[in-house]
Amino acid sequence: CLLVVLIAALCLYMFVFRSGGAGDDTSDRTSESANSETGESEEASDISVESTEDISDSSVSDDTSPNESEETSHTGTDVSDESREEIAEHGWVINSLGYTYLYYGIGLEQFTYSSSTLDKYVSSLHNLNSVSGNSNFYHILVPTRCEFIEFSQEIKKEFYIANQRQFMNGVFENTDAEIKNIDLYNVFKEKYDNGEYIYFNTDPNYTHIAAYAAYAEYCKAAGITPISDSFYTAQTVAYSFYGKFYTATGAEMLYENSDIVYYYDIDEAYKSQISIYKSQGVVKKDGVVFFDVPSYCYYSFLSDEAAKIEITTKVNTGKSILVIGDSSAAPFVTFLVPHYDKITYINSSLCSTSILDLLSSGTYNDIVVINYNTTAARTVSDAQNILAGIVS
């Protein structure tokens, strides 16, 4: 009996021991499995991070235009590193100016037109001329920078621009014979191709160098002997110029390619006084070129902008001139000081009332209308009709 009890006890002991060992083995395997799953989870997490980085690297930069984004979504292809560098150097930016095209360190305005806008512009010129009496009537169109840049086919697709030469020809061919058109195209193209500094990088306007070229062509048409640019002392504004393209976009490429304002010191040779007609009154200053307008360096020419600016000189030629135009007129009129006793500049972008009394007064020997092509192809025709006393 005792032997049977001992054998039974031994069997019970071995059964409990084996059960305990089996339990430990199961626990180890469970732990291993859990560790394995955790390891897979961590590995999956690492892969997820790497994928996110890849997507970020292949994304389009902030300077990409809407057209580029649409093209990418249509093709469904990834943007290569090389393409990404191109996009960083050119593309549309929507801003307070509307649309600015950034192109390798410069800002550009798009130029487009229709036959309707061309006809309206020509009609507005005729309306101004019809009330100008016996004054000689001159008309100048200023080509803008985008006309002379040779864009690649890829960029042409996203930055469509019309041909300014064709627009200018269309205007010139349809104006009455009494309007003396002055063609700046070839002169500007030659200067641009020669690398002359005729356009600002960060601003829509042209430089004093370009304005002198416009003045010289005007003198040829008007039978005036121009003052040589070498006669004037060439000066430079002491600080860098960050123009409207930069202030509107804040683009780093424009900041790094800021402008220098060169000017011819006309006041050194010819004394004059300007009267700037502001809403709060008339501001009078001596001279026509200024070097202390850091708020906007383009105001170096006439010191400010206003609907009307008058210049009185001491040259005693017995002649006066009325200049109607956009911002291209400001540096242009500074060169007229040696030739006229009185110069009146009407900014068609700011003047919203008729100047019929000035146009028909008979006091101006010459009348000049000067506009950038971009201005002429937009809504300036309506403004010019108002100036002529015509309300549509």
Protein backbone atom coordinates (compact mmCIF):
# COMPACT_ATOMS: atom_id res chain seq x y z
CA CYS A 1 0.00 0.00 0.00
CA LEU A 2 2.80 2.34 0.89
CA LEU A 3 4.46 1.64 -2.43
CA VAL A 4 1.26 2.43 -4.32
CA VAL A 5 0.94 5.75 -2.47
CA LEU A 6 4.54 6.71 -3.30
CA ILE A 7 4.08 5.85 -7.00
CA ALA A 8 0.84 7.91 -7.11
CA ALA A 9 2.57 10.85 -5.45
CA LEU A 10 5.47 10.66 -7.93
CA CYS A 11 3.09 10.68 -10.90
CA LEU A 12 1.19 13.68 -9.54
CA TYR A 13 4.46 15.57 -9.02
CA MET A 14 5.65 14.90 -12.57
CA PHE A 15 2.30 15.96 -14.02
CA VAL A 16 2.36 19.30 -12.19
CA PHE A 17 6.00 19.92 -13.14
CA ARG A 18 5.39 19.29 -16.86
CA SER A 19 2.33 21.50 -16.86
CA GLY A 20 4.34 24.31 -15.28
CA GLY A 21 7.14 23.89 -17.85
CA ALA A 22 4.69 23.93 -20.72
CA GLY A 23 3.18 27.11 -19.36
CA ASP A 24 6.59 28.82 -19.23
CA ASP A 25 7.37 27.81 -22.79
CA THR A 26 4.06 29.16 -24.01
CA SER A 27 4.71 32.40 -22.19
CA ASP A 28 8.14 32.74 -23.80
CA ARG A 29 6.75 32.11 -27.24
CA THR A 30 3.98 34.65 -26.65
CA SER A 31 6.54 37.19 -25.54
CA GLU A 32 8.66 36.45 -28.61
CA SER A 33 5.66 36.87 -30.85
CA ALA A 34 4.78 40.17 -29.20
CA ASN A 35 8.36 41.37 -29.62
CA SER A 36 8.33 40.28 -33.23
CA GLU A 37 5.09 42.16 -33.89
CA THR A 38 6.49 45.22 -32.14
CA GLY A 39 9.59 45.02 -34.29
CA GLU A 40 7.45 44.81 -37.44
CA SER A 41 5.42 47.77 -36.22
CA GLU A 42 8.56 49.83 -35.63
CA GLU A 43 9.89 48.87 -39.04
CA ALA A 44 6.59 49.84 -40.63
CA SER A 45 6.77 53.16 -38.81
CA ASP A 46 10.26 53.78 -40.17
CA ILE A 47 9.06 53.03 -43.69
CA SER A 48 6.15 55.43 -43.26
CA VAL A 49 8.50 58.25 -42.25
CA GLU A 50 10.78 57.57 -45.20
CA SER A 51 7.78 57.65 -47.56
CA THR A 52 6.66 60.99 -46.16
CA GLU A 53 10.13 62.42 -46.71
CA ASP A 54 10.12 61.20 -50.30
CA ILE A 55 6.78 62.87 -50.95
CA SER A 56 7.97 66.08 -49.39
CA ASP A 57 11.13 66.06 -51.50
CA SER A 58 9.18 65.61 -54.72
CA SER A 59 6.56 68.24 -53.98
CA VAL A 60 6.30 71.44 -56.04
CA SER A 61 7.83 74.60 -54.55
CA ASP A 62 5.81 77.60 -53.38
CA ASP A 63 6.84 79.57 -56.48
CA THR A 64 5.00 77.17 -58.78
CA SER A 65 2.31 78.77 -60.91
CA PRO A 66 -1.24 77.42 -61.06
CA ASN A 67 -0.52 76.24 -64.58
CA GLU A 68 2.41 74.15 -63.43
CA SER A 69 0.34 72.57 -60.67
CA GLU A 70 -2.42 71.66 -63.09
CA GLU A 71 0.06 70.15 -65.52
CA THR A 72 1.57 68.02 -62.77
CA SER A 73 -1.87 66.75 -61.68
CA HIS A 74 -2.86 65.91 -65.25
CA THR A 75 0.31 63.99 -66.06
CA GLY A 76 0.53 62.31 -62.66
CA THR A 77 4.34 62.23 -62.93
CA ASP A 78 6.82 63.03 -60.19
CA VAL A 79 8.87 66.20 -60.47
CA SER A 80 12.58 65.47 -60.78
CA ASP A 81 15.27 67.35 -58.86
CA GLU A 82 16.24 69.16 -62.05
CA SER A 83 12.66 70.28 -62.73
CA ARG A 84 12.30 71.35 -59.13
CA GLU A 85 15.25 73.72 -59.55
CA GLU A 86 13.63 75.22 -62.64
CA ILE A 87 10.34 75.77 -60.84
CA ALA A 88 12.19 77.50 -58.02
CA GLU A 89 13.60 79.92 -60.59
CA HIS A 90 10.47 80.71 -62.59
CA GLY A 91 6.72 80.69 -62.04
CA TRP A 92 3.61 82.72 -61.35
CA VAL A 93 2.99 84.55 -58.08
CA ILE A 94 -0.45 85.98 -57.32
CA ASN A 95 -0.18 89.25 -55.42
CA SER A 96 -1.44 92.81 -55.09
CA LEU A 97 -0.33 93.56 -58.65
CA GLY A 98 -2.47 90.70 -59.93
CA TYR A 99 -0.06 88.19 -61.43
CA THR A 100 3.72 88.54 -61.47
CA TYR A 101 5.91 86.09 -63.34
CA LEU A 102 9.22 85.47 -61.60
CA TYR A 103 11.97 84.58 -64.02
CA TYR A 104 15.52 83.90 -62.83
CA GLY A 105 15.85 86.94 -60.58
CA ILE A 106 13.54 89.37 -62.38
CA GLY A 107 9.84 90.17 -62.28
CA LEU A 108 7.69 90.39 -65.40
CA GLU A 109 4.22 91.54 -66.40
CA GLN A 110 2.33 89.46 -68.90
CA PHE A 111 1.36 91.23 -72.12
CA THR A 112 -1.79 90.26 -73.98
CA TYR A 113 -4.22 92.15 -76.17
CA SER A 114 -7.20 91.68 -78.44
CA SER A 115 -8.30 93.46 -81.60
CA SER A 116 -11.00 95.10 -79.50
CA THR A 117 -8.57 96.60 -76.97
CA LEU A 118 -6.30 97.75 -79.79
CA ASP A 119 -9.20 99.50 -81.55
CA LYS A 120 -10.36 101.14 -78.32
CA TYR A 121 -6.87 102.46 -77.64
CA VAL A 122 -6.56 103.92 -81.14
CA SER A 123 -10.01 105.51 -80.79
CA SER A 124 -9.00 107.17 -77.52
CA LEU A 125 -5.90 108.63 -79.21
CA HIS A 126 -8.12 110.07 -81.93
CA ASN A 127 -10.40 111.58 -79.29
CA LEU A 128 -7.47 113.31 -77.58
CA ASN A 129 -6.08 114.56 -80.86
CA SER A 130 -9.46 115.86 -82.04
CA VAL A 131 -9.58 118.40 -79.19
CA SER A 132 -5.90 119.36 -79.24
CA GLY A 133 -6.32 122.30 -81.62
CA ASN A 134 -3.21 123.26 -83.56
CA SER A 135 -0.78 121.58 -81.19
CA ASN A 136 1.65 119.05 -82.60
CA PHE A 137 0.43 115.65 -81.41
CA TYR A 138 2.98 112.89 -80.72
CA HIS A 139 2.42 109.35 -79.55
CA ILE A 140 4.95 106.96 -77.98
CA LEU A 141 4.52 103.28 -77.08
CA VAL A 142 7.17 101.80 -74.76
CA PRO A 143 7.91 98.07 -75.14
CA THR A 144 8.36 96.13 -71.91
CA ARG A 145 11.05 93.67 -70.95
CA CYS A 146 9.16 90.45 -71.64
CA GLU A 147 9.19 91.30 -75.37
CA PHE A 148 12.95 90.87 -75.66
CA ILE A 149 13.55 87.76 -73.54
CA GLU A 150 13.98 84.51 -75.47
CA PHE A 151 11.88 82.07 -73.47
CA SER A 152 12.12 78.31 -73.83
CA GLN A 153 9.11 76.47 -75.23
CA GLU A 154 8.39 75.06 -71.78
CA ILE A 155 8.15 78.53 -70.25
CA LYS A 156 6.14 79.91 -73.17
CA LYS A 157 3.43 77.36 -72.36
CA GLU A 158 3.00 78.66 -68.82
CA PHE A 159 3.78 82.32 -69.49
CA TYR A 160 1.83 83.16 -72.62
CA ILE A 161 2.71 86.59 -74.02
CA ALA A 162 1.46 88.33 -77.13
CA ASN A 163 3.78 89.94 -79.66
CA GLN A 164 4.36 93.60 -78.81
CA ARG A 165 5.80 94.36 -82.25
CA GLN A 166 2.49 93.31 -83.82
CA PHE A 167 0.51 95.35 -81.30
CA MET A 168 2.58 98.47 -81.96
CA ASN A 169 2.29 98.03 -85.72
CA GLY A 170 -1.47 97.63 -85.38
CA VAL A 171 -1.75 100.86 -83.40
CA PHE A 172 0.56 102.85 -85.68
CA GLU A 173 -1.15 101.65 -88.87
CA ASN A 174 -4.60 102.65 -87.65
CA THR A 175 -3.91 106.11 -86.25
CA ASP A 176 -4.69 109.26 -88.22
CA ALA A 177 -1.90 110.98 -90.12
CA GLU A 178 -2.02 113.97 -87.75
CA ILE A 179 -0.74 111.73 -84.95
CA LYS A 180 3.05 111.42 -85.15
CA ASN A 181 3.92 107.96 -83.88
CA ILE A 182 7.37 107.41 -82.40
CA ASP A 183 8.61 103.82 -82.66
CA LEU A 184 11.02 102.80 -79.88
CA TYR A 185 11.08 99.10 -80.67
CA ASN A 186 14.35 98.74 -82.57
CA VAL A 187 16.20 101.18 -80.32
CA PHE A 188 15.15 99.32 -77.17
CA LYS A 189 15.86 95.90 -78.68
CA GLU A 190 19.37 96.95 -79.63
CA LYS A 191 20.06 98.33 -76.18
CA TYR A 192 18.63 95.23 -74.49
CA ASP A 193 20.64 92.89 -76.71
CA ASN A 194 23.76 94.92 -75.87
CA GLY A 195 23.13 94.37 -72.17
CA GLU A 196 22.31 97.98 -71.32
CA TYR A 197 20.48 98.55 -68.04
CA ILE A 198 17.18 99.77 -69.49
CA TYR A 199 14.76 97.79 -67.28
CA PHE A 200 14.65 97.31 -63.53
CA ASN A 201 14.77 93.74 -62.21
CA THR A 202 12.35 94.26 -59.34
CA ASP A 203 10.01 96.91 -60.75
CA PRO A 204 7.69 97.19 -63.80
CA ASN A 205 9.23 100.49 -64.95
CA TYR A 206 12.15 101.34 -67.19
CA THR A 207 15.29 103.17 -66.10
CA HIS A 208 16.51 106.72 -66.71
CA ILE A 209 18.82 105.27 -69.38
CA ALA A 210 15.81 103.93 -71.28
CA ALA A 211 13.88 107.18 -70.77
CA TYR A 212 16.77 109.06 -72.36
CA ALA A 213 16.49 106.81 -75.42
CA ALA A 214 12.76 107.62 -75.63
CA TYR A 215 13.57 111.35 -75.29
CA ALA A 216 16.20 111.18 -78.05
CA GLU A 217 13.70 109.55 -80.44
CA TYR A 218 11.11 112.17 -79.53
CA CYS A 219 13.60 114.93 -80.34
CA LYS A 220 14.18 113.44 -83.79
CA ALA A 221 10.45 113.44 -84.50
CA ALA A 222 9.93 116.96 -83.10
CA GLY A 223 12.93 118.52 -84.83
CA ILE A 224 14.70 119.25 -81.54
CA THR A 225 18.43 118.87 -80.94
CA PRO A 226 18.72 116.55 -77.94
CA ILE A 227 21.13 117.27 -75.11
CA SER A 228 23.78 114.56 -75.14
CA ASP A 229 23.58 112.16 -72.23
CA SER A 230 27.34 112.65 -71.76
CA PHE A 231 26.66 116.31 -70.97
CA TYR A 232 25.01 115.34 -67.68
CA THR A 233 26.75 114.01 -64.61
CA ALA A 234 25.71 110.39 -64.05
CA GLN A 235 24.70 109.78 -60.44
CA THR A 236 23.56 106.81 -58.39
CA VAL A 237 21.07 106.67 -55.53
CA ALA A 238 23.00 105.50 -52.47
CA TYR A 239 20.72 102.60 -51.49
CA SER A 240 19.42 99.54 -53.29
CA PHE A 241 16.04 99.69 -54.99
CA TYR A 242 13.49 96.98 -54.22
CA GLY A 243 10.63 97.71 -56.61
CA LYS A 244 6.96 96.81 -56.81
CA PHE A 245 7.56 93.27 -58.01
CA TYR A 246 9.54 92.59 -54.86
CA THR A 247 7.23 94.39 -52.42
CA ALA A 248 4.24 92.55 -53.94
CA THR A 249 5.79 89.08 -53.90
CA GLY A 250 8.53 89.14 -51.28
CA ALA A 251 10.43 86.74 -53.54
CA GLU A 252 13.93 85.92 -52.35
CA MET A 253 15.24 85.80 -55.92
CA LEU A 254 14.23 89.46 -56.38
CA TYR A 255 15.70 90.50 -53.05
CA GLU A 256 19.01 88.98 -54.12
CA ASN A 257 18.82 90.80 -57.47
CA SER A 258 17.95 94.31 -56.26
CA ASP A 259 18.30 97.34 -58.50
CA ILE A 260 20.51 100.39 -58.65
CA VAL A 261 18.91 103.70 -59.61
CA TYR A 262 21.15 105.59 -62.00
CA TYR A 263 20.11 109.09 -63.01
CA TYR A 264 21.35 111.99 -65.05
CA ASP A 265 21.74 115.10 -62.91
CA ILE A 266 19.64 117.45 -65.02
CA ASP A 267 19.20 119.93 -62.15
CA GLU A 268 22.93 120.56 -62.04
CA ALA A 269 22.76 122.10 -65.52
CA TYR A 270 19.16 123.39 -65.77
CA LYS A 271 17.26 124.95 -62.87
CA SER A 272 13.54 124.30 -62.57
CA GLN A 273 10.71 124.04 -60.08
CA ILE A 274 7.93 121.49 -59.90
CA SER A 275 4.41 121.86 -58.53
CA ILE A 276 2.82 118.57 -57.45
CA TYR A 277 -0.97 118.76 -57.28
CA LYS A 278 -2.10 116.56 -54.40
CA SER A 279 -5.55 116.30 -52.83
CA GLN A 280 -4.30 118.17 -49.75
CA GLY A 281 -2.80 120.99 -51.80
CA VAL A 282 0.11 121.89 -54.07
CA VAL A 283 3.62 120.84 -53.07
CA LYS A 284 6.47 122.85 -54.61
CA LYS A 285 10.03 121.62 -54.92
CA ASP A 286 13.17 122.69 -56.71
CA GLY A 287 14.48 120.39 -59.42
CA VAL A 288 13.15 117.33 -61.22
CA VAL A 289 15.48 114.55 -60.02
CA PHE A 290 15.82 113.54 -56.36
CA PHE A 291 18.05 111.10 -54.49
CA ASP A 292 16.32 111.01 -51.08
CA VAL A 293 13.11 109.02 -51.65
CA PRO A 294 13.91 105.61 -50.10
CA SER A 295 10.22 104.71 -49.77
CA TYR A 296 10.09 104.06 -53.52
CA CYS A 297 13.18 104.88 -55.56
CA TYR A 298 11.26 105.37 -58.81
CA TYR A 299 10.06 108.62 -57.22
CA SER A 300 13.60 109.87 -57.80
CA PHE A 301 12.00 111.19 -60.98
CA LEU A 302 9.75 114.14 -59.99
CA SER A 303 9.85 113.06 -56.30
CA ASP A 304 6.27 111.74 -56.21
CA GLU A 305 3.30 110.79 -58.35
CA ALA A 306 0.11 112.79 -58.73
CA ALA A 307 -2.69 113.34 -61.21
CA LYS A 308 -0.99 116.56 -62.32
CA ILE A 309 2.59 117.83 -62.08
CA GLU A 310 3.79 121.10 -63.58
CA ILE A 311 7.40 122.06 -64.24
CA THR A 312 8.53 125.62 -64.81
CA THR A 313 12.02 126.21 -66.16
CA LYS A 314 14.38 129.11 -66.82
CA VAL A 315 15.35 128.29 -70.41
CA ASN A 316 13.14 130.96 -72.05
CA THR A 317 12.41 129.09 -75.27
CA GLY A 318 8.86 130.42 -75.44
CA LYS A 319 7.54 126.86 -75.79
CA SER A 320 5.35 124.63 -73.62
CA ILE A 321 4.41 120.96 -73.72
CA LEU A 322 1.62 118.77 -72.34
CA VAL A 323 2.58 115.15 -71.59
CA ILE A 324 -0.17 112.59 -70.96
CA GLY A 325 0.88 109.16 -69.85
CA ASP A 326 1.40 106.41 -67.32
CA SER A 327 4.46 106.06 -65.06
CA SER A 328 6.76 105.84 -68.09
CA ALA A 329 6.27 109.61 -68.50
CA ALA A 330 7.92 110.56 -65.18
CA PRO A 331 11.58 110.00 -66.10
CA PHE A 332 10.87 110.99 -69.72
CA VAL A 333 9.69 114.52 -68.87
CA THR A 334 12.83 115.27 -66.84
CA PHE A 335 14.78 115.42 -70.11
CA LEU A 336 12.39 118.03 -71.56
CA VAL A 337 13.54 120.73 -69.13
CA PRO A 338 16.15 122.26 -71.53
CA HIS A 339 13.55 122.68 -74.29
CA TYR A 340 10.37 124.09 -72.73
CA ASP A 341 9.45 126.93 -70.39
CA LYS A 342 6.48 124.97 -69.07
CA ILE A 343 5.89 121.22 -68.89
CA THR A 344 2.57 119.79 -67.71
CA TYR A 345 2.41 116.09 -66.94
CA ILE A 346 -1.00 114.44 -66.56
CA ASN A 347 -0.86 110.93 -65.12
CA SER A 348 -3.66 109.13 -66.95
CA SER A 349 -3.66 106.39 -64.31
CA LEU A 350 -4.53 108.87 -61.56
CA CYS A 351 -6.42 111.70 -63.26
CA SER A 352 -10.15 110.96 -63.31
CA THR A 353 -11.48 114.28 -64.65
CA SER A 354 -11.55 115.96 -68.03
CA ILE A 355 -8.58 118.09 -69.10
CA LEU A 356 -10.41 119.44 -72.12
CA ASP A 357 -9.52 122.97 -71.05
CA LEU A 358 -5.81 122.15 -71.22
CA LEU A 359 -6.04 120.22 -74.47
CA SER A 360 -7.97 122.91 -76.31
CA SER A 361 -6.34 125.94 -74.69
CA GLY A 362 -3.86 126.49 -77.50
CA THR A 363 -1.11 127.24 -74.97
CA TYR A 364 0.83 124.03 -75.66
CA ASN A 365 3.03 123.86 -78.70
CA ASP A 366 3.38 120.10 -78.37
CA ILE A 367 1.29 117.31 -76.86
CA VAL A 368 2.78 113.87 -76.19
CA VAL A 369 0.94 110.71 -75.19
CA ILE A 370 3.30 108.07 -73.82
CA ASN A 371 2.36 104.64 -72.45
CA TYR A 372 3.86 101.24 -71.85
CA ASN A 373 2.41 98.62 -74.19
CA THR A 374 0.99 96.86 -71.14
CA THR A 375 -0.93 100.00 -70.19
CA ALA A 376 -2.14 100.68 -73.73
CA ALA A 377 -3.51 97.14 -74.06
CA ARG A 378 -5.58 97.39 -70.88
CA THR A 379 -8.06 100.05 -69.77
CA VAL A 380 -6.14 103.29 -70.32
CA SER A 381 -8.36 103.95 -73.34
CA ASP A 382 -11.26 104.65 -70.96
CA ALA A 383 -9.10 107.04 -68.94
CA GLN A 384 -7.93 108.84 -72.07
CA ASN A 385 -11.52 109.26 -73.25
CA ILE A 386 -12.38 110.89 -69.91
CA LEU A 387 -9.40 113.24 -70.27
CA ALA A 388 -10.72 114.21 -73.72
CA GLY A 389 -14.10 115.06 -72.17
CA ILE A 390 -15.86 111.95 -73.44
CA VAL A 391 -17.88 109.95 -70.92
CA SER A 392 -19.09 106.59 -72.21
